[in-house]
PDB file of all heavy atoms in Angstrom:
ATOM      1  N   ARG A   1      -5.542   3.064  -6.109  1.00  0.00           N
ATOM      2  CA  ARG A   1      -6.229   1.874  -5.601  1.00  0.00           C
ATOM      3  C   ARG A   1      -7.714   1.901  -5.951  1.00  0.00           C
ATOM      4  O   ARG A   1      -8.270   0.923  -6.454  1.00  0.00           O
ATOM      5  CB  ARG A   1      -6.063   1.755  -4.085  1.00  0.00           C
ATOM      6  CG  ARG A   1      -6.819   0.545  -3.513  1.00  0.00           C
ATOM      7  CD  ARG A   1      -6.710   0.450  -2.013  1.00  0.00           C
ATOM      8  NE  ARG A   1      -7.174   1.614  -1.293  1.00  0.00           N
ATOM      9  CZ  ARG A   1      -8.461   1.907  -1.066  1.00  0.00           C
ATOM     10  NH1 ARG A   1      -9.415   1.125  -1.529  1.00  0.00           N
ATOM     11  NH2 ARG A   1      -8.788   2.984  -0.369  1.00  0.00           N
ATOM     12  N   VAL A   2      -8.360   3.040  -5.727  1.00  0.00           N
ATOM     13  CA  VAL A   2      -9.790   3.150  -6.017  1.00  0.00           C
ATOM     14  C   VAL A   2     -10.027   3.026  -7.522  1.00  0.00           C
ATOM     15  O   VAL A   2     -10.959   2.343  -7.960  1.00  0.00           O
ATOM     16  CB  VAL A   2     -10.373   4.465  -5.450  1.00  0.00           C
ATOM     17  CG1 VAL A   2     -11.811   4.664  -5.896  1.00  0.00           C
ATOM     18  CG2 VAL A   2     -10.275   4.476  -3.924  1.00  0.00           C
ATOM     19  N   ALA A   3      -9.169   3.660  -8.329  1.00  0.00           N
ATOM     20  CA  ALA A   3      -9.312   3.573  -9.779  1.00  0.00           C
ATOM     21  C   ALA A   3      -9.109   2.142 -10.275  1.00  0.00           C
ATOM     22  O   ALA A   3      -9.697   1.738 -11.277  1.00  0.00           O
ATOM     23  CB  ALA A   3      -8.327   4.512 -10.469  1.00  0.00           C
ATOM     24  N   ALA A   4      -8.299   1.374  -9.562  1.00  0.00           N
ATOM     25  CA  ALA A   4      -8.092  -0.031  -9.918  1.00  0.00           C
ATOM     26  C   ALA A   4      -9.254  -0.903  -9.446  1.00  0.00           C
ATOM     27  O   ALA A   4      -9.348  -2.076  -9.814  1.00  0.00           O
ATOM     28  CB  ALA A   4      -6.792  -0.538  -9.307  1.00  0.00           C
ATOM     29  N   GLY A   5     -10.138  -0.343  -8.629  1.00  0.00           N
ATOM     30  CA  GLY A   5     -11.287  -1.089  -8.128  1.00  0.00           C
ATOM     31  C   GLY A   5     -10.922  -2.109  -7.063  1.00  0.00           C
ATOM     32  O   GLY A   5     -11.558  -3.150  -6.950  1.00  0.00           O
ATOM     33  N   LEU A   6      -9.886  -1.796  -6.275  1.00  0.00           N
ATOM     34  CA  LEU A   6      -9.399  -2.736  -5.265  1.00  0.00           C
ATOM     35  C   LEU A   6      -9.577  -2.190  -3.854  1.00  0.00           C
ATOM     36  O   LEU A   6      -9.535  -0.983  -3.639  1.00  0.00           O
ATOM     37  CB  LEU A   6      -7.913  -3.022  -5.502  1.00  0.00           C
ATOM     38  CG  LEU A   6      -7.550  -3.657  -6.838  1.00  0.00           C
ATOM     39  CD1 LEU A   6      -6.036  -3.671  -7.009  1.00  0.00           C
ATOM     40  CD2 LEU A   6      -8.121  -5.056  -6.937  1.00  0.00           C
ATOM     41  N   ARG A   7      -9.755  -3.111  -2.916  1.00  0.00           N
ATOM     42  CA  ARG A   7      -9.742  -2.757  -1.503  1.00  0.00           C
ATOM     43  C   ARG A   7      -8.291  -2.751  -1.030  1.00  0.00           C
ATOM     44  O   ARG A   7      -7.406  -3.318  -1.678  1.00  0.00           O
ATOM     45  CB  ARG A   7     -10.557  -3.771  -0.685  1.00  0.00           C
ATOM     46  CG  ARG A   7     -12.041  -3.770  -1.010  1.00  0.00           C
ATOM     47  CD  ARG A   7     -12.866  -4.702  -0.107  1.00  0.00           C
ATOM     48  NE  ARG A   7     -12.157  -5.786   0.530  1.00  0.00           N
ATOM     49  CZ  ARG A   7     -12.007  -7.023   0.033  1.00  0.00           C
ATOM     50  NH1 ARG A   7     -12.511  -7.315  -1.141  1.00  0.00           N
ATOM     51  NH2 ARG A   7     -11.350  -7.949   0.699  1.00  0.00           N
ATOM     52  N   GLN A   8      -8.029  -2.133   0.108  1.00  0.00           N
ATOM     53  CA  GLN A   8      -6.664  -2.085   0.642  1.00  0.00           C
ATOM     54  C   GLN A   8      -6.093  -3.488   0.812  1.00  0.00           C
ATOM     55  O   GLN A   8      -4.928  -3.732   0.475  1.00  0.00           O
ATOM     56  CB  GLN A   8      -6.633  -1.337   1.980  1.00  0.00           C
ATOM     57  CG  GLN A   8      -6.841   0.142   1.844  1.00  0.00           C
ATOM     58  CD  GLN A   8      -6.909   0.856   3.180  1.00  0.00           C
ATOM     59  OE1 GLN A   8      -7.173   0.259   4.223  1.00  0.00           O
ATOM     60  NE2 GLN A   8      -6.669   2.161   3.149  1.00  0.00           N
ATOM     61  N   GLU A   9      -6.893  -4.405   1.298  1.00  0.00           N
ATOM     62  CA  GLU A   9      -6.421  -5.774   1.516  1.00  0.00           C
ATOM     63  C   GLU A   9      -6.028  -6.449   0.205  1.00  0.00           C
ATOM     64  O   GLU A   9      -5.052  -7.209   0.161  1.00  0.00           O
ATOM     65  CB  GLU A   9      -7.500  -6.620   2.222  1.00  0.00           C
ATOM     66  CG  GLU A   9      -7.859  -6.147   3.615  1.00  0.00           C
ATOM     67  CD  GLU A   9      -8.860  -4.988   3.647  1.00  0.00           C
ATOM     68  OE1 GLU A   9      -9.378  -4.591   2.572  1.00  0.00           O
ATOM     69  OE2 GLU A   9      -9.113  -4.473   4.743  1.00  0.00           O
ATOM     70  N   GLU A  10      -6.768  -6.163  -0.852  1.00  0.00           N
ATOM     71  CA  GLU A  10      -6.486  -6.788  -2.148  1.00  0.00           C
ATOM     72  C   GLU A  10      -5.176  -6.291  -2.754  1.00  0.00           C
ATOM     73  O   GLU A  10      -4.353  -7.091  -3.205  1.00  0.00           O
ATOM     74  CB  GLU A  10      -7.642  -6.530  -3.121  1.00  0.00           C
ATOM     75  CG  GLU A  10      -8.929  -7.228  -2.736  1.00  0.00           C
ATOM     76  CD  GLU A  10     -10.119  -6.767  -3.564  1.00  0.00           C
ATOM     77  OE1 GLU A  10     -10.232  -5.555  -3.871  1.00  0.00           O
ATOM     78  OE2 GLU A  10     -10.942  -7.639  -3.900  1.00  0.00           O
ATOM     79  N   ILE A  11      -4.966  -4.976  -2.764  1.00  0.00           N
ATOM     80  CA  ILE A  11      -3.723  -4.466  -3.351  1.00  0.00           C
ATOM     81  C   ILE A  11      -2.534  -4.834  -2.469  1.00  0.00           C
ATOM     82  O   ILE A  11      -1.448  -5.104  -2.966  1.00  0.00           O
ATOM     83  CB  ILE A  11      -3.782  -2.942  -3.644  1.00  0.00           C
ATOM     84  CG1 ILE A  11      -2.583  -2.499  -4.509  1.00  0.00           C
ATOM     85  CG2 ILE A  11      -3.854  -2.116  -2.379  1.00  0.00           C
ATOM     86  CD1 ILE A  11      -2.503  -3.125  -5.863  1.00  0.00           C
ATOM     87  N   ALA A  12      -2.747  -4.893  -1.167  1.00  0.00           N
ATOM     88  CA  ALA A  12      -1.674  -5.294  -0.260  1.00  0.00           C
ATOM     89  C   ALA A  12      -1.214  -6.711  -0.582  1.00  0.00           C
ATOM     90  O   ALA A  12      -0.012  -6.982  -0.686  1.00  0.00           O
ATOM     91  CB  ALA A  12      -2.130  -5.194   1.192  1.00  0.00           C
ATOM     92  N   ALA A  13      -2.158  -7.619  -0.751  1.00  0.00           N
ATOM     93  CA  ALA A  13      -1.810  -9.007  -1.067  1.00  0.00           C
ATOM     94  C   ALA A  13      -1.096  -9.095  -2.409  1.00  0.00           C
ATOM     95  O   ALA A  13      -0.100  -9.816  -2.546  1.00  0.00           O
ATOM     96  CB  ALA A  13      -3.076  -9.874  -1.078  1.00  0.00           C
ATOM     97  N   ARG A  14      -1.553  -8.341  -3.394  1.00  0.00           N
ATOM     98  CA  ARG A  14      -0.927  -8.364  -4.718  1.00  0.00           C
ATOM     99  C   ARG A  14       0.484  -7.809  -4.684  1.00  0.00           C
ATOM    100  O   ARG A  14       1.335  -8.212  -5.464  1.00  0.00           O
ATOM    101  CB  ARG A  14      -1.783  -7.588  -5.713  1.00  0.00           C
ATOM    102  CG  ARG A  14      -3.116  -8.285  -5.977  1.00  0.00           C
ATOM    103  CD  ARG A  14      -3.952  -7.547  -6.953  1.00  0.00           C
ATOM    104  NE  ARG A  14      -3.309  -7.643  -8.261  1.00  0.00           N
ATOM    105  CZ  ARG A  14      -3.756  -7.053  -9.342  1.00  0.00           C
ATOM    106  NH1 ARG A  14      -4.848  -6.337  -9.294  1.00  0.00           N
ATOM    107  NH2 ARG A  14      -3.139  -7.181 -10.477  1.00  0.00           N
ATOM    108  N   ALA A  15       0.727  -6.844  -3.782  1.00  0.00           N
ATOM    109  CA  ALA A  15       2.054  -6.224  -3.679  1.00  0.00           C
ATOM    110  C   ALA A  15       2.948  -6.930  -2.671  1.00  0.00           C
ATOM    111  O   ALA A  15       4.122  -6.579  -2.537  1.00  0.00           O
ATOM    112  CB  ALA A  15       1.903  -4.747  -3.301  1.00  0.00           C
ATOM    113  N   GLY A  16       2.393  -7.889  -1.938  1.00  0.00           N
ATOM    114  CA  GLY A  16       3.179  -8.587  -0.923  1.00  0.00           C
ATOM    115  C   GLY A  16       3.432  -7.735   0.313  1.00  0.00           C
ATOM    116  O   GLY A  16       4.466  -7.856   0.961  1.00  0.00           O
ATOM    117  N   LEU A  17       2.458  -6.884   0.640  1.00  0.00           N
ATOM    118  CA  LEU A  17       2.546  -6.000   1.805  1.00  0.00           C
ATOM    119  C   LEU A  17       1.390  -6.294   2.753  1.00  0.00           C
ATOM    120  O   LEU A  17       0.393  -6.896   2.355  1.00  0.00           O
ATOM    121  CB  LEU A  17       2.477  -4.524   1.374  1.00  0.00           C
ATOM    122  CG  LEU A  17       3.575  -4.019   0.451  1.00  0.00           C
ATOM    123  CD1 LEU A  17       3.194  -2.649  -0.102  1.00  0.00           C
ATOM    124  CD2 LEU A  17       4.896  -3.961   1.180  1.00  0.00           C
ATOM    125  N   GLY A  18       1.506  -5.825   3.971  1.00  0.00           N
ATOM    126  CA  GLY A  18       0.397  -5.911   4.902  1.00  0.00           C
ATOM    127  C   GLY A  18      -0.627  -4.832   4.589  1.00  0.00           C
ATOM    128  O   GLY A  18      -0.269  -3.749   4.120  1.00  0.00           O
ATOM    129  N   HIS A  19      -1.905  -5.118   4.827  1.00  0.00           N
ATOM    130  CA  HIS A  19      -2.917  -4.107   4.518  1.00  0.00           C
ATOM    131  C   HIS A  19      -2.766  -2.865   5.396  1.00  0.00           C
ATOM    132  O   HIS A  19      -3.134  -1.766   4.990  1.00  0.00           O
ATOM    133  CB  HIS A  19      -4.337  -4.684   4.577  1.00  0.00           C
ATOM    134  CG  HIS A  19      -4.907  -4.830   5.936  1.00  0.00           C
ATOM    135  ND1 HIS A  19      -4.675  -5.925   6.727  1.00  0.00           N
ATOM    136  CD2 HIS A  19      -5.699  -4.003   6.650  1.00  0.00           C
ATOM    137  CE1 HIS A  19      -5.299  -5.773   7.873  1.00  0.00           C
ATOM    138  NE2 HIS A  19      -5.920  -4.623   7.863  1.00  0.00           N
ATOM    139  N   THR A  20      -2.200  -3.012   6.596  1.00  0.00           N
ATOM    140  CA  THR A  20      -1.978  -1.816   7.420  1.00  0.00           C
ATOM    141  C   THR A  20      -0.905  -0.930   6.802  1.00  0.00           C
ATOM    142  O   THR A  20      -0.948   0.291   6.949  1.00  0.00           O
ATOM    143  CB  THR A  20      -1.598  -2.188   8.869  1.00  0.00           C
ATOM    144  OG1 THR A  20      -0.451  -3.029   8.849  1.00  0.00           O
ATOM    145  CG2 THR A  20      -2.742  -2.872   9.583  1.00  0.00           C
ATOM    146  N   THR A  21       0.033  -1.533   6.093  1.00  0.00           N
ATOM    147  CA  THR A  21       1.052  -0.730   5.396  1.00  0.00           C
ATOM    148  C   THR A  21       0.393   0.104   4.306  1.00  0.00           C
ATOM    149  O   THR A  21       0.692   1.288   4.158  1.00  0.00           O
ATOM    150  CB  THR A  21       2.145  -1.644   4.796  1.00  0.00           C
ATOM    151  OG1 THR A  21       2.768  -2.369   5.857  1.00  0.00           O
ATOM    152  CG2 THR A  21       3.180  -0.836   4.042  1.00  0.00           C
ATOM    153  N   VAL A  22      -0.516  -0.497   3.556  1.00  0.00           N
ATOM    154  CA  VAL A  22      -1.228   0.244   2.510  1.00  0.00           C
ATOM    155  C   VAL A  22      -2.041   1.369   3.146  1.00  0.00           C
ATOM    156  O   VAL A  22      -2.020   2.510   2.665  1.00  0.00           O
ATOM    157  CB  VAL A  22      -2.125  -0.691   1.677  1.00  0.00           C
ATOM    158  CG1 VAL A  22      -3.013   0.106   0.725  1.00  0.00           C
ATOM    159  CG2 VAL A  22      -1.280  -1.699   0.916  1.00  0.00           C
ATOM    160  N   ARG A  23      -2.732   1.066   4.228  1.00  0.00           N
ATOM    161  CA  ARG A  23      -3.528   2.099   4.915  1.00  0.00           C
ATOM    162  C   ARG A  23      -2.633   3.254   5.354  1.00  0.00           C
ATOM    163  O   ARG A  23      -2.971   4.425   5.176  1.00  0.00           O
ATOM    164  CB  ARG A  23      -4.259   1.496   6.129  1.00  0.00           C
ATOM    165  CG  ARG A  23      -5.127   2.507   6.869  1.00  0.00           C
ATOM    166  CD  ARG A  23      -5.977   1.895   7.973  1.00  0.00           C
ATOM    167  NE  ARG A  23      -5.342   0.865   8.760  1.00  0.00           N
ATOM    168  CZ  ARG A  23      -4.551   1.105   9.821  1.00  0.00           C
ATOM    169  NH1 ARG A  23      -4.292   2.338  10.188  1.00  0.00           N
ATOM    170  NH2 ARG A  23      -4.025   0.108  10.503  1.00  0.00           N
ATOM    171  N   ARG A  24      -1.474   2.923   5.929  1.00  0.00           N
ATOM    172  CA  ARG A  24      -0.553   3.966   6.390  1.00  0.00           C
ATOM    173  C   ARG A  24      -0.003   4.776   5.217  1.00  0.00           C
ATOM    174  O   ARG A  24       0.140   6.005   5.318  1.00  0.00           O
ATOM    175  CB  ARG A  24       0.573   3.332   7.197  1.00  0.00           C
ATOM    176  CG  ARG A  24       0.070   2.791   8.549  1.00  0.00           C
ATOM    177  CD  ARG A  24       1.093   1.967   9.305  1.00  0.00           C
ATOM    178  NE  ARG A  24       2.355   2.657   9.453  1.00  0.00           N
ATOM    179  CZ  ARG A  24       3.538   2.032   9.490  1.00  0.00           C
ATOM    180  NH1 ARG A  24       3.615   0.717   9.387  1.00  0.00           N
ATOM    181  NH2 ARG A  24       4.640   2.737   9.649  1.00  0.00           N
ATOM    182  N   LEU A  25       0.296   4.111   4.107  1.00  0.00           N
ATOM    183  CA  LEU A  25       0.784   4.843   2.931  1.00  0.00           C
ATOM    184  C   LEU A  25      -0.288   5.790   2.398  1.00  0.00           C
ATOM    185  O   LEU A  25       0.016   6.915   1.992  1.00  0.00           O
ATOM    186  CB  LEU A  25       1.245   3.873   1.837  1.00  0.00           C
ATOM    187  CG  LEU A  25       2.576   3.188   2.093  1.00  0.00           C
ATOM    188  CD1 LEU A  25       2.796   2.035   1.121  1.00  0.00           C
ATOM    189  CD2 LEU A  25       3.722   4.194   2.000  1.00  0.00           C
ATOM    190  N   GLU A  26      -1.533   5.360   2.398  1.00  0.00           N
ATOM    191  CA  GLU A  26      -2.623   6.212   1.927  1.00  0.00           C
ATOM    192  C   GLU A  26      -2.845   7.408   2.847  1.00  0.00           C
ATOM    193  O   GLU A  26      -3.419   8.408   2.446  1.00  0.00           O
ATOM    194  CB  GLU A  26      -3.915   5.410   1.771  1.00  0.00           C
ATOM    195  CG  GLU A  26      -3.890   4.475   0.577  1.00  0.00           C
ATOM    196  CD  GLU A  26      -5.208   3.772   0.343  1.00  0.00           C
ATOM    197  OE1 GLU A  26      -6.207   4.077   1.041  1.00  0.00           O
ATOM    198  OE2 GLU A  26      -5.253   2.911  -0.553  1.00  0.00           O
ATOM    199  N   LYS A  27      -2.382   7.322   4.062  1.00  0.00           N
ATOM    200  CA  LYS A  27      -2.479   8.439   5.009  1.00  0.00           C
ATOM    201  C   LYS A  27      -1.184   9.246   5.045  1.00  0.00           C
ATOM    202  O   LYS A  27      -1.000  10.101   5.905  1.00  0.00           O
ATOM    203  CB  LYS A  27      -2.830   7.922   6.403  1.00  0.00           C
ATOM    204  CG  LYS A  27      -4.216   7.328   6.491  1.00  0.00           C
ATOM    205  CD  LYS A  27      -4.537   6.923   7.918  1.00  0.00           C
ATOM    206  CE  LYS A  27      -5.913   6.333   8.035  1.00  0.00           C
ATOM    207  NZ  LYS A  27      -6.976   7.285   7.838  1.00  0.00           N
ATOM    208  N   SER A  28      -0.270   8.957   4.124  1.00  0.00           N
ATOM    209  CA  SER A  28       1.030   9.640   4.021  1.00  0.00           C
ATOM    210  C   SER A  28       1.841   9.512   5.308  1.00  0.00           C
ATOM    211  O   SER A  28       2.516  10.458   5.724  1.00  0.00           O
ATOM    212  CB  SER A  28       0.856  11.114   3.642  1.00  0.00           C
ATOM    213  OG  SER A  28       0.343  11.214   2.333  1.00  0.00           O
ATOM    214  N   ASP A  29       1.791   8.360   5.934  1.00  0.00           N
ATOM    215  CA  ASP A  29       2.554   8.079   7.145  1.00  0.00           C
ATOM    216  C   ASP A  29       4.037   8.003   6.772  1.00  0.00           C
ATOM    217  O   ASP A  29       4.466   7.087   6.077  1.00  0.00           O
ATOM    218  CB  ASP A  29       2.082   6.762   7.758  1.00  0.00           C
ATOM    219  CG  ASP A  29       2.773   6.414   9.069  1.00  0.00           C
ATOM    220  OD1 ASP A  29       3.877   6.933   9.331  1.00  0.00           O
ATOM    221  OD2 ASP A  29       2.194   5.612   9.832  1.00  0.00           O
ATOM    222  N   VAL A  30       4.818   8.980   7.229  1.00  0.00           N
ATOM    223  CA  VAL A  30       6.235   9.056   6.854  1.00  0.00           C
ATOM    224  C   VAL A  30       7.098   8.002   7.537  1.00  0.00           C
ATOM    225  O   VAL A  30       8.268   7.856   7.197  1.00  0.00           O
ATOM    226  CB  VAL A  30       6.815  10.466   7.132  1.00  0.00           C
ATOM    227  CG1 VAL A  30       6.138  11.502   6.252  1.00  0.00           C
ATOM    228  CG2 VAL A  30       6.708  10.830   8.598  1.00  0.00           C
ATOM    229  N   THR A  31       6.517   7.254   8.480  1.00  0.00           N
ATOM    230  CA  THR A  31       7.309   6.211   9.130  1.00  0.00           C
ATOM    231  C   THR A  31       7.370   4.928   8.302  1.00  0.00           C
ATOM    232  O   THR A  31       8.139   4.027   8.624  1.00  0.00           O
ATOM    233  CB  THR A  31       6.762   5.884  10.543  1.00  0.00           C
ATOM    234  OG1 THR A  31       5.447   5.341  10.423  1.00  0.00           O
ATOM    235  CG2 THR A  31       6.753   7.131  11.423  1.00  0.00           C
ATOM    236  N   VAL A  32       6.569   4.841   7.237  1.00  0.00           N
ATOM    237  CA  VAL A  32       6.637   3.682   6.347  1.00  0.00           C
ATOM    238  C   VAL A  32       7.882   3.848   5.481  1.00  0.00           C
ATOM    239  O   VAL A  32       8.139   4.919   4.939  1.00  0.00           O
ATOM    240  CB  VAL A  32       5.382   3.567   5.460  1.00  0.00           C
ATOM    241  CG1 VAL A  32       5.501   2.387   4.508  1.00  0.00           C
ATOM    242  CG2 VAL A  32       4.131   3.458   6.305  1.00  0.00           C
ATOM    243  N   SER A  33       8.639   2.776   5.346  1.00  0.00           N
ATOM    244  CA  SER A  33       9.897   2.861   4.592  1.00  0.00           C
ATOM    245  C   SER A  33       9.641   3.180   3.118  1.00  0.00           C
ATOM    246  O   SER A  33       8.640   2.747   2.541  1.00  0.00           O
ATOM    247  CB  SER A  33      10.673   1.541   4.701  1.00  0.00           C
ATOM    248  OG  SER A  33      10.072   0.547   3.897  1.00  0.00           O
ATOM    249  N   PRO A  34      10.564   3.934   2.513  1.00  0.00           N
ATOM    250  CA  PRO A  34      10.428   4.235   1.084  1.00  0.00           C
ATOM    251  C   PRO A  34      10.431   2.968   0.229  1.00  0.00           C
ATOM    252  O   PRO A  34       9.818   2.938  -0.827  1.00  0.00           O
ATOM    253  CB  PRO A  34      11.638   5.105   0.766  1.00  0.00           C
ATOM    254  CG  PRO A  34      12.235   5.496   2.053  1.00  0.00           C
ATOM    255  CD  PRO A  34      11.715   4.593   3.112  1.00  0.00           C
ATOM    256  N   GLU A  35      11.090   1.919   0.708  1.00  0.00           N
ATOM    257  CA  GLU A  35      11.120   0.667  -0.042  1.00  0.00           C
ATOM    258  C   GLU A  35       9.722   0.045  -0.144  1.00  0.00           C
ATOM    259  O   GLU A  35       9.337  -0.489  -1.178  1.00  0.00           O
ATOM    260  CB  GLU A  35      12.096  -0.335   0.602  1.00  0.00           C
ATOM    261  CG  GLU A  35      13.553   0.086   0.518  1.00  0.00           C
ATOM    262  CD  GLU A  35      13.963   1.120   1.583  1.00  0.00           C
ATOM    263  OE1 GLU A  35      13.186   1.383   2.524  1.00  0.00           O
ATOM    264  OE2 GLU A  35      15.070   1.667   1.459  1.00  0.00           O
ATOM    265  N   ARG A  36       8.959   0.144   0.929  1.00  0.00           N
ATOM    266  CA  ARG A  36       7.586  -0.385   0.896  1.00  0.00           C
ATOM    267  C   ARG A  36       6.702   0.480   0.004  1.00  0.00           C
ATOM    268  O   ARG A  36       5.851  -0.036  -0.716  1.00  0.00           O
ATOM    269  CB  ARG A  36       7.020  -0.485   2.306  1.00  0.00           C
ATOM    270  CG  ARG A  36       7.687  -1.612   3.059  1.00  0.00           C
ATOM    271  CD  ARG A  36       6.935  -1.995   4.279  1.00  0.00           C
ATOM    272  NE  ARG A  36       7.558  -3.195   4.829  1.00  0.00           N
ATOM    273  CZ  ARG A  36       7.621  -3.459   6.089  1.00  0.00           C
ATOM    274  NH1 ARG A  36       7.081  -2.640   6.959  1.00  0.00           N
ATOM    275  NH2 ARG A  36       8.199  -4.568   6.506  1.00  0.00           N
ATOM    276  N   ALA A  37       6.901   1.789   0.064  1.00  0.00           N
ATOM    277  CA  ALA A  37       6.150   2.678  -0.826  1.00  0.00           C
ATOM    278  C   ALA A  37       6.475   2.350  -2.279  1.00  0.00           C
ATOM    279  O   ALA A  37       5.576   2.287  -3.131  1.00  0.00           O
ATOM    280  CB  ALA A  37       6.481   4.139  -0.516  1.00  0.00           C
ATOM    281  N   TYR A  38       7.742   2.115  -2.559  1.00  0.00           N
ATOM    282  CA  TYR A  38       8.152   1.773  -3.925  1.00  0.00           C
ATOM    283  C   TYR A  38       7.521   0.446  -4.359  1.00  0.00           C
ATOM    284  O   TYR A  38       7.074   0.306  -5.501  1.00  0.00           O
ATOM    285  CB  TYR A  38       9.677   1.687  -4.038  1.00  0.00           C
ATOM    286  CG  TYR A  38      10.127   1.235  -5.402  1.00  0.00           C
ATOM    287  CD1 TYR A  38      10.096   2.111  -6.482  1.00  0.00           C
ATOM    288  CD2 TYR A  38      10.535  -0.079  -5.626  1.00  0.00           C
ATOM    289  CE1 TYR A  38      10.474   1.698  -7.745  1.00  0.00           C
ATOM    290  CE2 TYR A  38      10.921  -0.498  -6.884  1.00  0.00           C
ATOM    291  CZ  TYR A  38      10.884   0.389  -7.941  1.00  0.00           C
ATOM    292  OH  TYR A  38      11.254  -0.024  -9.200  1.00  0.00           O
ATOM    293  N   THR A  39       7.466  -0.531  -3.453  1.00  0.00           N
ATOM    294  CA  THR A  39       6.863  -1.830  -3.765  1.00  0.00           C
ATOM    295  C   THR A  39       5.407  -1.650  -4.193  1.00  0.00           C
ATOM    296  O   THR A  39       4.965  -2.242  -5.178  1.00  0.00           O
ATOM    297  CB  THR A  39       6.952  -2.773  -2.547  1.00  0.00           C
ATOM    298  OG1 THR A  39       8.331  -2.990  -2.245  1.00  0.00           O
ATOM    299  CG2 THR A  39       6.257  -4.097  -2.805  1.00  0.00           C
ATOM    300  N   LEU A  40       4.671  -0.812  -3.462  1.00  0.00           N
ATOM    301  CA  LEU A  40       3.271  -0.566  -3.812  1.00  0.00           C
ATOM    302  C   LEU A  40       3.171   0.189  -5.138  1.00  0.00           C
ATOM    303  O   LEU A  40       2.372  -0.163  -6.006  1.00  0.00           O
ATOM    304  CB  LEU A  40       2.562   0.206  -2.694  1.00  0.00           C
ATOM    305  CG  LEU A  40       1.071   0.449  -2.904  1.00  0.00           C
ATOM    306  CD1 LEU A  40       0.303  -0.859  -3.074  1.00  0.00           C
ATOM    307  CD2 LEU A  40       0.509   1.253  -1.737  1.00  0.00           C
ATOM    308  N   GLN A  41       3.988   1.222  -5.305  1.00  0.00           N
ATOM    309  CA  GLN A  41       3.959   1.978  -6.552  1.00  0.00           C
ATOM    310  C   GLN A  41       4.282   1.066  -7.733  1.00  0.00           C
ATOM    311  O   GLN A  41       3.620   1.128  -8.772  1.00  0.00           O
ATOM    312  CB  GLN A  41       4.961   3.136  -6.506  1.00  0.00           C
ATOM    313  CG  GLN A  41       4.969   3.941  -7.795  1.00  0.00           C
ATOM    314  CD  GLN A  41       5.908   5.129  -7.739  1.00  0.00           C
ATOM    315  OE1 GLN A  41       6.244   5.624  -6.662  1.00  0.00           O
ATOM    316  NE2 GLN A  41       6.337   5.593  -8.900  1.00  0.00           N
ATOM    317  N   LYS A  42       5.270   0.210  -7.596  1.00  0.00           N
ATOM    318  CA  LYS A  42       5.660  -0.712  -8.670  1.00  0.00           C
ATOM    319  C   LYS A  42       4.511  -1.648  -9.022  1.00  0.00           C
ATOM    320  O   LYS A  42       4.270  -1.944 -10.198  1.00  0.00           O
ATOM    321  CB  LYS A  42       6.900  -1.516  -8.233  1.00  0.00           C
ATOM    322  CG  LYS A  42       7.394  -2.481  -9.261  1.00  0.00           C
ATOM    323  CD  LYS A  42       8.155  -1.773 -10.351  1.00  0.00           C
ATOM    324  CE  LYS A  42       8.864  -2.761 -11.260  1.00  0.00           C
ATOM    325  NZ  LYS A  42       8.194  -2.977 -12.520  1.00  0.00           N
TER     326      LYS A  42
END
């Protein structure tokens, strides 16, 4: 995300996710579904 020059809110919108989901993924929150992690990675 930082290398892309984006804020959490920006990449979340581009991936169709909530910005709190991105924040939780960046903190390695294991309660976030693998499908959402895959959506962000994709």
